[in-house]
C-alpha atoms as a PDB file:
ATOM      1  CA  UNK A   1      -5.842  15.896  19.479  1.00  0.00           C
ATOM      2  CA  UNK A   2      -8.875  14.594  17.503  1.00  0.00           C
ATOM      3  CA  UNK A   3      -9.697  10.998  18.881  1.00  0.00           C
ATOM      4  CA  UNK A   4     -12.878  10.144  16.339  1.00  0.00           C
ATOM      5  CA  UNK A   5     -11.291   8.526  13.498  1.00  0.00           C
ATOM      6  CA  UNK A   6     -12.889   6.770  10.829  1.00  0.00           C
ATOM      7  CA  UNK A   7     -11.388   4.119   8.104  1.00  0.00           C
ATOM      8  CA  UNK A   8     -12.415   3.726   4.476  1.00  0.00           C
ATOM      9  CA  UNK A   9     -10.641   0.438   3.179  1.00  0.00           C
ATOM     10  CA  UNK A  10     -10.146  -2.019   5.748  1.00  0.00           C
ATOM     11  CA  UNK A  11      -8.344  -4.790   3.579  1.00  0.00           C
ATOM     12  CA  UNK A  12      -5.233  -6.149   5.149  1.00  0.00           C
ATOM     13  CA  UNK A  13      -3.507  -2.660   5.790  1.00  0.00           C
ATOM     14  CA  UNK A  14      -6.640  -0.654   6.652  1.00  0.00           C
ATOM     15  CA  UNK A  15      -8.297  -3.194   9.237  1.00  0.00           C
ATOM     16  CA  UNK A  16      -4.932  -3.520  11.075  1.00  0.00           C
ATOM     17  CA  UNK A  17      -4.350   0.259  11.335  1.00  0.00           C
ATOM     18  CA  UNK A  18      -7.639   0.498  12.636  1.00  0.00           C
ATOM     19  CA  UNK A  19      -6.979  -1.975  15.179  1.00  0.00           C
ATOM     20  CA  UNK A  20      -3.651  -0.304  16.002  1.00  0.00           C
ATOM     21  CA  UNK A  21      -5.409   3.101  16.485  1.00  0.00           C
ATOM     22  CA  UNK A  22      -8.079   1.383  18.826  1.00  0.00           C
ATOM     23  CA  UNK A  23      -5.197  -0.058  20.804  1.00  0.00           C
ATOM     24  CA  UNK A  24      -3.498   3.367  21.189  1.00  0.00           C
ATOM     25  CA  UNK A  25      -6.546   4.795  22.779  1.00  0.00           C
ATOM     26  CA  UNK A  26      -8.249   6.490  19.746  1.00  0.00           C
ATOM     27  CA  UNK A  27     -12.070   5.926  19.167  1.00  0.00           C
ATOM     28  CA  UNK A  28     -12.520   4.495  15.875  1.00  0.00           C
ATOM     29  CA  UNK A  29     -16.008   5.464  15.503  1.00  0.00           C
ATOM     30  CA  UNK A  30     -16.688   4.328  11.755  1.00  0.00           C
ATOM     31  CA  UNK A  31     -15.427   1.839   9.233  1.00  0.00           C
ATOM     32  CA  UNK A  32     -16.372   1.361   5.392  1.00  0.00           C
ATOM     33  CA  UNK A  33     -15.713  -0.796   2.860  1.00  0.00           C
ATOM     34  CA  UNK A  34     -17.083  -1.912  -0.659  1.00  0.00           C
ATOM     35  CA  UNK A  35     -17.071  -5.293   0.783  1.00  0.00           C
ATOM     36  CA  UNK A  36     -19.492  -4.707   3.396  1.00  0.00           C
ATOM     37  CA  UNK A  37     -19.112  -8.009   4.930  1.00  0.00           C
ATOM     38  CA  UNK A  38     -15.372  -7.095   5.833  1.00  0.00           C
ATOM     39  CA  UNK A  39     -16.766  -3.655   7.421  1.00  0.00           C
ATOM     40  CA  UNK A  40     -19.475  -5.418   9.333  1.00  0.00           C
ATOM     41  CA  UNK A  41     -17.030  -8.078  10.891  1.00  0.00           C
ATOM     42  CA  UNK A  42     -14.162  -5.321  11.766  1.00  0.00           C
ATOM     43  CA  UNK A  43     -17.014  -2.671  13.131  1.00  0.00           C
ATOM     44  CA  UNK A  44     -18.141  -5.881  15.396  1.00  0.00           C
ATOM     45  CA  UNK A  45     -14.430  -6.554  16.704  1.00  0.00           C
ATOM     46  CA  UNK A  46     -13.821  -2.968  17.154  1.00  0.00           C
ATOM     47  CA  UNK A  47     -17.255  -1.960  18.745  1.00  0.00           C
ATOM     48  CA  UNK A  48     -17.797   0.706  15.997  1.00  0.00           C
ATOM     49  CA  UNK A  49     -20.249   1.625  13.224  1.00  0.00           C
ATOM     50  CA  UNK A  50     -19.900  -0.226   9.787  1.00  0.00           C
ATOM     51  CA  UNK A  51     -21.181   2.409   7.720  1.00  0.00           C
ATOM     52  CA  UNK A  52     -23.218   1.791   4.668  1.00  0.00           C
ATOM     53  CA  UNK A  53     -22.558   5.335   3.039  1.00  0.00           C
ATOM     54  CA  UNK A  54     -19.490   7.217   2.570  1.00  0.00           C
ATOM     55  CA  UNK A  55     -21.093  10.651   4.060  1.00  0.00           C
ATOM     56  CA  UNK A  56     -21.800   8.528   7.262  1.00  0.00           C
ATOM     57  CA  UNK A  57     -18.049   8.147   7.766  1.00  0.00           C
ATOM     58  CA  UNK A  58     -17.508  11.865   7.352  1.00  0.00           C
ATOM     59  CA  UNK A  59     -19.968  12.436   9.889  1.00  0.00           C
ATOM     60  CA  UNK A  60     -18.838  10.445  12.546  1.00  0.00           C
ATOM     61  CA  UNK A  61     -15.132  11.004  12.314  1.00  0.00           C
ATOM     62  CA  UNK A  62     -12.967  14.121  12.705  1.00  0.00           C
ATOM     63  CA  UNK A  63     -10.355  12.509  10.947  1.00  0.00           C
ATOM     64  CA  UNK A  64     -10.771   9.715   8.399  1.00  0.00           C
ATOM     65  CA  UNK A  65      -7.962   7.505   7.026  1.00  0.00           C
ATOM     66  CA  UNK A  66      -8.156   5.718   3.578  1.00  0.00           C
ATOM     67  CA  UNK A  67      -6.836   2.690   2.364  1.00  0.00           C
ATOM     68  CA  UNK A  68      -8.067   1.926  -1.396  1.00  0.00           C
ATOM     69  CA  UNK A  69      -7.120   0.108  -4.132  1.00  0.00           C
ATOM     70  CA  UNK A  70      -6.455   2.414  -7.023  1.00  0.00           C
ATOM     71  CA  UNK A  71      -6.998   5.787  -8.449  1.00  0.00           C
ATOM     72  CA  UNK A  72     -10.388   4.796  -9.659  1.00  0.00           C
ATOM     73  CA  UNK A  73     -11.487   3.924  -6.097  1.00  0.00           C
ATOM     74  CA  UNK A  74     -10.047   7.141  -4.716  1.00  0.00           C
ATOM     75  CA  UNK A  75     -11.769   8.840  -7.384  1.00  0.00           C
ATOM     76  CA  UNK A  76     -14.914   7.556  -6.250  1.00  0.00           C
ATOM     77  CA  UNK A  77     -14.624   7.763  -2.504  1.00  0.00           C
ATOM     78  CA  UNK A  78     -14.129  11.656  -3.144  1.00  0.00           C
ATOM     79  CA  UNK A  79     -16.381  12.102  -6.066  1.00  0.00           C
ATOM     80  CA  UNK A  80     -17.728  15.687  -6.555  1.00  0.00           C
ATOM     81  CA  UNK A  81     -20.961  14.072  -8.883  1.00  0.00           C
ATOM     82  CA  UNK A  82     -22.264  12.124  -5.777  1.00  0.00           C
ATOM     83  CA  UNK A  83     -22.500  11.740  -2.096  1.00  0.00           C
ATOM     84  CA  UNK A  84     -18.985  10.921  -0.662  1.00  0.00           C
ATOM     85  CA  UNK A  85     -16.514  11.616   1.772  1.00  0.00           C
ATOM     86  CA  UNK A  86     -16.623  15.317   0.771  1.00  0.00           C
ATOM     87  CA  UNK A  87     -20.136  15.558   2.016  1.00  0.00           C
ATOM     88  CA  UNK A  88     -20.309  17.671   5.179  1.00  0.00           C
ATOM     89  CA  UNK A  89     -16.525  17.368   5.072  1.00  0.00           C
ATOM     90  CA  UNK A  90     -15.601  21.074   6.389  1.00  0.00           C
ATOM     91  CA  UNK A  91     -13.013  20.832   9.158  1.00  0.00           C
ATOM     92  CA  UNK A  92     -12.158  17.004   8.495  1.00  0.00           C
ATOM     93  CA  UNK A  93      -8.769  15.818   7.955  1.00  0.00           C
ATOM     94  CA  UNK A  94      -8.188  13.158   5.518  1.00  0.00           C
ATOM     95  CA  UNK A  95      -4.964  10.726   5.528  1.00  0.00           C
ATOM     96  CA  UNK A  96      -4.783   8.903   2.332  1.00  0.00           C
ATOM     97  CA  UNK A  97      -2.601   6.014   2.730  1.00  0.00           C
ATOM     98  CA  UNK A  98      -3.231   4.175  -0.736  1.00  0.00           C
ATOM     99  CA  UNK A  99      -0.623   3.753  -3.624  1.00  0.00           C
ATOM    100  CA  UNK A 100      -1.978   5.950  -6.377  1.00  0.00           C
ATOM    101  CA  UNK A 101      -0.768   8.298  -9.041  1.00  0.00           C
ATOM    102  CA  UNK A 102       0.565  11.814  -7.994  1.00  0.00           C
ATOM    103  CA  UNK A 103      -1.972  13.506  -9.696  1.00  0.00           C
ATOM    104  CA  UNK A 104      -4.977  11.995  -8.117  1.00  0.00           C
ATOM    105  CA  UNK A 105      -3.383  13.140  -4.659  1.00  0.00           C
ATOM    106  CA  UNK A 106      -3.276  16.628  -6.100  1.00  0.00           C
ATOM    107  CA  UNK A 107      -6.658  16.474  -7.288  1.00  0.00           C
ATOM    108  CA  UNK A 108      -8.147  15.134  -4.148  1.00  0.00           C
ATOM    109  CA  UNK A 109      -6.495  17.739  -2.222  1.00  0.00           C
ATOM    110  CA  UNK A 110      -8.040  20.542  -4.647  1.00  0.00           C
ATOM    111  CA  UNK A 111     -11.443  18.992  -4.039  1.00  0.00           C
ATOM    112  CA  UNK A 112     -11.249  18.671  -0.262  1.00  0.00           C
ATOM    113  CA  UNK A 113     -10.267  22.297  -0.198  1.00  0.00           C
ATOM    114  CA  UNK A 114     -12.980  23.415  -1.916  1.00  0.00           C
ATOM    115  CA  UNK A 115     -15.272  21.839   0.926  1.00  0.00           C
ATOM    116  CA  UNK A 116     -12.861  23.500   3.637  1.00  0.00           C
ATOM    117  CA  UNK A 117     -11.193  19.937   4.147  1.00  0.00           C
ATOM    118  CA  UNK A 118      -7.643  19.218   4.677  1.00  0.00           C
ATOM    119  CA  UNK A 119      -5.899  16.017   3.128  1.00  0.00           C
ATOM    120  CA  UNK A 120      -2.392  14.421   3.356  1.00  0.00           C
ATOM    121  CA  UNK A 121      -0.486  11.697   1.703  1.00  0.00           C
ATOM    122  CA  UNK A 122       0.484   9.041   4.129  1.00  0.00           C
ATOM    123  CA  UNK A 123       2.318   6.740   1.764  1.00  0.00           C
ATOM    124  CA  UNK A 124       3.225   3.240   3.646  1.00  0.00           C
ATOM    125  CA  UNK A 125       6.749   1.611   3.068  1.00  0.00           C
ATOM    126  CA  UNK A 126       5.832  -1.365   5.242  1.00  0.00           C
ATOM    127  CA  UNK A 127       3.325  -3.948   5.512  1.00  0.00           C
ATOM    128  CA  UNK A 128       0.559  -5.670   7.509  1.00  0.00           C
ATOM    129  CA  UNK A 129       2.533  -6.761  10.673  1.00  0.00           C
ATOM    130  CA  UNK A 130       4.014  -3.051  10.867  1.00  0.00           C
ATOM    131  CA  UNK A 131       0.255  -1.765  10.329  1.00  0.00           C
ATOM    132  CA  UNK A 132      -0.730  -3.688  13.409  1.00  0.00           C
ATOM    133  CA  UNK A 133       2.527  -2.704  15.379  1.00  0.00           C
ATOM    134  CA  UNK A 134       2.052   0.789  14.750  1.00  0.00           C
ATOM    135  CA  UNK A 135       5.691   0.789  13.471  1.00  0.00           C
ATOM    136  CA  UNK A 136       4.806   1.768   9.826  1.00  0.00           C
ATOM    137  CA  UNK A 137       7.486   3.847   7.494  1.00  0.00           C
ATOM    138  CA  UNK A 138       5.300   6.985   6.646  1.00  0.00           C
ATOM    139  CA  UNK A 139       6.166   9.078   3.493  1.00  0.00           C
ATOM    140  CA  UNK A 140       3.999  12.305   3.723  1.00  0.00           C
ATOM    141  CA  UNK A 141       2.889  14.912   1.475  1.00  0.00           C
ATOM    142  CA  UNK A 142       0.537  17.864   1.645  1.00  0.00           C
ATOM    143  CA  UNK A 143       0.177  21.405   3.434  1.00  0.00           C
ATOM    144  CA  UNK A 144       2.123  21.793   6.760  1.00  0.00           C
ATOM    145  CA  UNK A 145      -1.256  22.557   8.376  1.00  0.00           C
ATOM    146  CA  UNK A 146      -2.472  19.068   7.422  1.00  0.00           C
ATOM    147  CA  UNK A 147       0.797  17.477   8.580  1.00  0.00           C
ATOM    148  CA  UNK A 148       0.803  19.096  11.916  1.00  0.00           C
ATOM    149  CA  UNK A 149      -2.885  18.389  12.539  1.00  0.00           C
ATOM    150  CA  UNK A 150      -2.223  14.741  11.703  1.00  0.00           C
ATOM    151  CA  UNK A 151       1.087  14.244  13.331  1.00  0.00           C
ATOM    152  CA  UNK A 152      -0.480  12.822  16.787  1.00  0.00           C
ATOM    153  CA  UNK A 153      -2.511   9.977  14.623  1.00  0.00           C
ATOM    154  CA  UNK A 154       0.843   9.557  12.815  1.00  0.00           C
ATOM    155  CA  UNK A 155       2.872   8.929  15.983  1.00  0.00           C
ATOM    156  CA  UNK A 156       0.480   6.080  16.677  1.00  0.00           C
ATOM    157  CA  UNK A 157       0.638   4.309  13.562  1.00  0.00           C
ATOM    158  CA  UNK A 158       4.652   4.425  12.774  1.00  0.00           C
ATOM    159  CA  UNK A 159       8.001   4.250  14.173  1.00  0.00           C
ATOM    160  CA  UNK A 160       9.640   6.332  11.521  1.00  0.00           C
ATOM    161  CA  UNK A 161       8.079   9.760   9.157  1.00  0.00           C
ATOM    162  CA  UNK A 162       9.696  11.735   6.561  1.00  0.00           C
ATOM    163  CA  UNK A 163       7.720  14.659   5.477  1.00  0.00           C
ATOM    164  CA  UNK A 164       8.300  14.995   1.624  1.00  0.00           C
ATOM    165  CA  UNK A 165       6.848  18.373   0.568  1.00  0.00           C
ATOM    166  CA  UNK A 166       3.565  19.529  -1.244  1.00  0.00           C
ATOM    167  CA  UNK A 167       0.834  16.896  -2.423  1.00  0.00           C
ATOM    168  CA  UNK A 168       1.801  14.697  -4.904  1.00  0.00           C
ATOM    169  CA  UNK A 169       5.633  14.482  -3.786  1.00  0.00           C
ATOM    170  CA  UNK A 170       5.529  11.789  -1.626  1.00  0.00           C
ATOM    171  CA  UNK A 171       3.461   9.293  -4.205  1.00  0.00           C
ATOM    172  CA  UNK A 172       6.449  10.001  -6.636  1.00  0.00           C
ATOM    173  CA  UNK A 173       8.593   8.795  -3.725  1.00  0.00           C
ATOM    174  CA  UNK A 174       6.530   5.731  -3.025  1.00  0.00           C
ATOM    175  CA  UNK A 175       6.311   4.718  -6.805  1.00  0.00           C
ATOM    176  CA  UNK A 176      10.053   4.699  -7.099  1.00  0.00           C
ATOM    177  CA  UNK A 177      10.174   2.576  -3.565  1.00  0.00           C
ATOM    178  CA  UNK A 178       8.315   0.052  -5.201  1.00  0.00           C
ATOM    179  CA  UNK A 179       9.581   0.116  -8.188  1.00  0.00           C
ATOM    180  CA  UNK A 180      12.762  -0.747  -6.966  1.00  0.00           C
ATOM    181  CA  UNK A 181      11.824  -3.213  -4.496  1.00  0.00           C
ATOM    182  CA  UNK A 182       9.539  -4.987  -7.137  1.00  0.00           C
ATOM    183  CA  UNK A 183      12.745  -5.420  -9.232  1.00  0.00           C
ATOM    184  CA  UNK A 184      14.941  -6.682  -6.717  1.00  0.00           C
ATOM    185  CA  UNK A 185      12.022  -9.171  -5.782  1.00  0.00           C
ATOM    186  CA  UNK A 186      12.081 -10.287  -9.618  1.00  0.00           C
ATOM    187  CA  UNK A 187      15.613 -10.223  -9.815  1.00  0.00           C
ATOM    188  CA  UNK A 188      16.044 -12.477  -6.431  1.00  0.00           C
ATOM    189  CA  UNK A 189      13.490 -14.804  -7.799  1.00  0.00           C
ATOM    190  CA  UNK A 190      15.475 -15.177 -10.811  1.00  0.00           C
ATOM    191  CA  UNK A 191      18.955 -15.925  -8.949  1.00  0.00           C
ATOM    192  CA  UNK A 192      17.435 -18.625  -6.628  1.00  0.00           C
ATOM    193  CA  UNK A 193      15.556 -20.282  -9.621  1.00  0.00           C
ATOM    194  CA  UNK A 194      18.664 -20.687 -11.614  1.00  0.00           C
ATOM    195  CA  UNK A 195      20.558 -21.651  -8.658  1.00  0.00           C
ATOM    196  CA  UNK A 196      17.874 -24.593  -8.003  1.00  0.00           C
ATOM    197  CA  UNK A 197      18.201 -25.350 -11.902  1.00  0.00           C
ATOM    198  CA  UNK A 198      21.760 -25.944 -11.239  1.00  0.00           C
ATOM    199  CA  UNK A 199      21.432 -28.023  -8.164  1.00  0.00           C
ATOM    200  CA  UNK A 200      23.071 -25.522  -5.313  1.00  0.00           C
ATOM    201  CA  UNK A 201      22.208 -25.572  -1.968  1.00  0.00           C
ATOM    202  CA  UNK A 202      19.349 -22.571  -1.826  1.00  0.00           C
ATOM    203  CA  UNK A 203      20.310 -22.131   2.073  1.00  0.00           C
ATOM    204  CA  UNK A 204      23.919 -21.918   1.466  1.00  0.00           C
ATOM    205  CA  UNK A 205      23.380 -19.496  -1.585  1.00  0.00           C
ATOM    206  CA  UNK A 206      21.008 -17.198   0.100  1.00  0.00           C
ATOM    207  CA  UNK A 207      23.762 -17.102   3.084  1.00  0.00           C
ATOM    208  CA  UNK A 208      26.108 -16.192   0.225  1.00  0.00           C
ATOM    209  CA  UNK A 209      23.793 -13.573  -1.226  1.00  0.00           C
ATOM    210  CA  UNK A 210      23.320 -12.049   2.209  1.00  0.00           C
ATOM    211  CA  UNK A 211      27.230 -11.668   2.831  1.00  0.00           C
ATOM    212  CA  UNK A 212      27.875 -10.127  -0.776  1.00  0.00           C
ATOM    213  CA  UNK A 213      26.653  -7.475  -3.484  1.00  0.00           C
ATOM    214  CA  UNK A 214      23.946  -9.815  -3.823  1.00  0.00           C
ATOM    215  CA  UNK A 215      22.186  -8.849  -0.598  1.00  0.00           C
ATOM    216  CA  UNK A 216      18.958  -7.056  -0.342  1.00  0.00           C
ATOM    217  CA  UNK A 217      16.136  -6.155   1.775  1.00  0.00           C
ATOM    218  CA  UNK A 218      13.953  -8.615  -0.084  1.00  0.00           C
ATOM    219  CA  UNK A 219      16.601 -11.546   0.522  1.00  0.00           C
ATOM    220  CA  UNK A 220      15.515 -10.806   4.168  1.00  0.00           C
ATOM    221  CA  UNK A 221      11.870 -10.736   3.582  1.00  0.00           C
ATOM    222  CA  UNK A 222      11.288 -13.076   0.762  1.00  0.00           C
ATOM    223  CA  UNK A 223      14.163 -15.517   0.006  1.00  0.00           C
ATOM    224  CA  UNK A 224      13.076 -18.156   2.279  1.00  0.00           C
ATOM    225  CA  UNK A 225       9.644 -17.780   1.221  1.00  0.00           C
ATOM    226  CA  UNK A 226      10.745 -18.246  -2.455  1.00  0.00           C
ATOM    227  CA  UNK A 227      12.519 -21.276  -1.830  1.00  0.00           C
ATOM    228  CA  UNK A 228       9.780 -22.965   0.382  1.00  0.00           C
ATOM    229  CA  UNK A 229       6.826 -21.738  -1.726  1.00  0.00           C
ATOM    230  CA  UNK A 230       5.263 -20.066   0.903  1.00  0.00           C
ATOM    231  CA  UNK A 231       3.509 -17.164  -0.540  1.00  0.00           C
ATOM    232  CA  UNK A 232       1.193 -15.869   2.306  1.00  0.00           C
ATOM    233  CA  UNK A 233       0.231 -12.473   1.242  1.00  0.00           C
ATOM    234  CA  UNK A 234       1.804  -9.473   2.877  1.00  0.00           C
ATOM    235  CA  UNK A 235       2.110  -7.270  -0.360  1.00  0.00           C
ATOM    236  CA  UNK A 236       0.127  -9.119  -3.435  1.00  0.00           C
ATOM    237  CA  UNK A 237       1.546  -9.465  -7.013  1.00  0.00           C
ATOM    238  CA  UNK A 238      -1.537  -7.748  -8.117  1.00  0.00           C
ATOM    239  CA  UNK A 239      -0.449  -4.332  -6.259  1.00  0.00           C
ATOM    240  CA  UNK A 240       3.117  -5.125  -7.594  1.00  0.00           C
ATOM    241  CA  UNK A 241       1.759  -5.095 -11.005  1.00  0.00           C
ATOM    242  CA  UNK A 242      -0.113  -1.864 -10.425  1.00  0.00           C
ATOM    243  CA  UNK A 243       2.456  -0.104  -8.527  1.00  0.00           C
ATOM    244  CA  UNK A 244       5.321  -0.692 -11.151  1.00  0.00           C
ATOM    245  CA  UNK A 245       2.736   0.681 -13.344  1.00  0.00           C
ATOM    246  CA  UNK A 246       2.600   3.875 -11.843  1.00  0.00           C
ATOM    247  CA  UNK A 247       6.476   4.481 -11.717  1.00  0.00           C
ATOM    248  CA  UNK A 248       6.329   3.434 -15.395  1.00  0.00           C
ATOM    249  CA  UNK A 249       3.765   6.231 -16.029  1.00  0.00           C
ATOM    250  CA  UNK A 250       5.664   8.801 -14.362  1.00  0.00           C
ATOM    251  CA  UNK A 251       8.717   7.569 -16.545  1.00  0.00           C
ATOM    252  CA  UNK A 252       6.660   8.149 -19.527  1.00  0.00           C
ATOM    253  CA  UNK A 253       5.599  11.452 -18.705  1.00  0.00           C
ATOM    254  CA  UNK A 254       9.626  12.349 -18.357  1.00  0.00           C
ATOM    255  CA  UNK A 255      10.469  10.486 -21.491  1.00  0.00           C
ATOM    256  CA  UNK A 256      12.608   8.157 -19.476  1.00  0.00           C
ATOM    257  CA  UNK A 257      13.108   4.348 -20.122  1.00  0.00           C
ATOM    258  CA  UNK A 258      13.269   1.962 -17.600  1.00  0.00           C
ATOM    259  CA  UNK A 259      13.803  -1.465 -19.145  1.00  0.00           C
ATOM    260  CA  UNK A 260      14.249  -3.476 -15.725  1.00  0.00           C
ATOM    261  CA  UNK A 261      11.057  -1.795 -14.676  1.00  0.00           C
ATOM    262  CA  UNK A 262       9.451  -2.628 -17.870  1.00  0.00           C
ATOM    263  CA  UNK A 263      10.364  -6.611 -17.598  1.00  0.00           C
ATOM    264  CA  UNK A 264       9.170  -6.589 -14.041  1.00  0.00           C
ATOM    265  CA  UNK A 265       6.080  -5.316 -14.719  1.00  0.00           C
ATOM    266  CA  UNK A 266       5.453  -7.901 -17.619  1.00  0.00           C
ATOM    267  CA  UNK A 267       6.462 -10.817 -14.833  1.00  0.00           C
ATOM    268  CA  UNK A 268       3.890  -9.397 -12.291  1.00  0.00           C
ATOM    269  CA  UNK A 269       1.240  -8.813 -15.432  1.00  0.00           C
ATOM    270  CA  UNK A 270       1.728 -12.538 -15.839  1.00  0.00           C
ATOM    271  CA  UNK A 271       0.906 -13.488 -12.056  1.00  0.00           C
ATOM    272  CA  UNK A 272      -2.302 -11.895 -12.727  1.00  0.00           C
ATOM    273  CA  UNK A 273      -3.087 -13.294 -15.853  1.00  0.00           C
ATOM    274  CA  UNK A 274      -2.501 -16.790 -14.554  1.00  0.00           C
ATOM    275  CA  UNK A 275      -4.629 -16.309 -11.675  1.00  0.00           C
ATOM    276  CA  UNK A 276      -1.852 -15.840  -9.162  1.00  0.00           C
ATOM    277  CA  UNK A 277      -2.192 -12.264  -8.378  1.00  0.00           C
ATOM    278  CA  UNK A 278      -3.371 -12.796  -5.086  1.00  0.00           C
ATOM    279  CA  UNK A 279      -0.213 -14.479  -3.998  1.00  0.00           C
ATOM    280  CA  UNK A 280       2.528 -12.319  -2.136  1.00  0.00           C
ATOM    281  CA  UNK A 281       5.049 -10.651  -4.606  1.00  0.00           C
ATOM    282  CA  UNK A 282       7.633 -13.598  -3.427  1.00  0.00           C
ATOM    283  CA  UNK A 283       5.545 -15.736  -5.548  1.00  0.00           C
ATOM    284  CA  UNK A 284       6.784 -14.422  -8.463  1.00  0.00           C
ATOM    285  CA  UNK A 285       9.478 -17.179  -7.858  1.00  0.00           C
ATOM    286  CA  UNK A 286       6.582 -19.443  -9.386  1.00  0.00           C
ATOM    287  CA  UNK A 287       7.857 -18.324 -12.671  1.00  0.00           C
ATOM    288  CA  UNK A 288      11.299 -18.948 -12.328  1.00  0.00           C
ATOM    289  CA  UNK A 289      12.285 -22.113 -10.570  1.00  0.00           C
ATOM    290  CA  UNK A 290      12.346 -25.367 -12.288  1.00  0.00           C
ATOM    291  CA  UNK A 291       9.431 -27.580 -12.204  1.00  0.00           C
ATOM    292  CA  UNK A 292       6.644 -24.721 -11.090  1.00  0.00           C
ATOM    293  CA  UNK A 293       5.930 -23.287 -14.536  1.00  0.00           C
ATOM    294  CA  UNK A 294       5.140 -26.221 -16.358  1.00  0.00           C
ATOM    295  CA  UNK A 295       1.708 -25.416 -17.009  1.00  0.00           C
ATOM    296  CA  UNK A 296       2.111 -21.738 -17.185  1.00  0.00           C
ATOM    297  CA  UNK A 297       3.169 -19.566 -20.457  1.00  0.00           C
END
């Protein structure tokens, strides 16, 4: 099993994945982030190199995990027009965990193959706590060779794994997972918001929801936070807006209309417009609860 691992993108998820791998006995040799300070701080904590360039990460690691923000960032770190992670990448394995469009995953796989490297989609359906504890749910896609090579590391990071198929397929599933999650979250915010306006006891209402057809996973994770306005970020509203956009793009390609997903994206876009994009997705309740939106359009 490869033991030298690099991590590119050390935000909330990437940093905790790196910590988990270190705790699991793997050697995290390199970290990189466009925010150099974040990389330096994590490198000091883990006792590894805070790389100033992407090729340096590739040189120091056998397996590189990427957790970047969007398609543009993914295109940049795997650029063919300048020095990137692909520089000196022959024989390397890239596990790409960002939520991005399927077509970008497919393109990155093609670029990597040209330099003799493997890529694997490692789409995550979990949050920060699970990244740190090694209990992620992973949806995986790419060649079987890449999957088999990555499996020992994936076992350190996850409790559940599903191999979906060729490159791009896991990204499709992840887009749908997040689309439905975001719709459920926005719907819960509206239900609790209306309940508050009606003067109902929200503790009682959440209990009734949990025992009826109104139950959902987001009720468990976000319901109390919406009520108490505790929006510490585990999955940001900005990411919810982006991920809903990926699903809608897929729907347009298939000529399918998704009115609920469209309305949900508008809510999360509004969160971003109002400067609330870094609140957890539960923060969408700030748009629905009475008395919270007086200064919001």
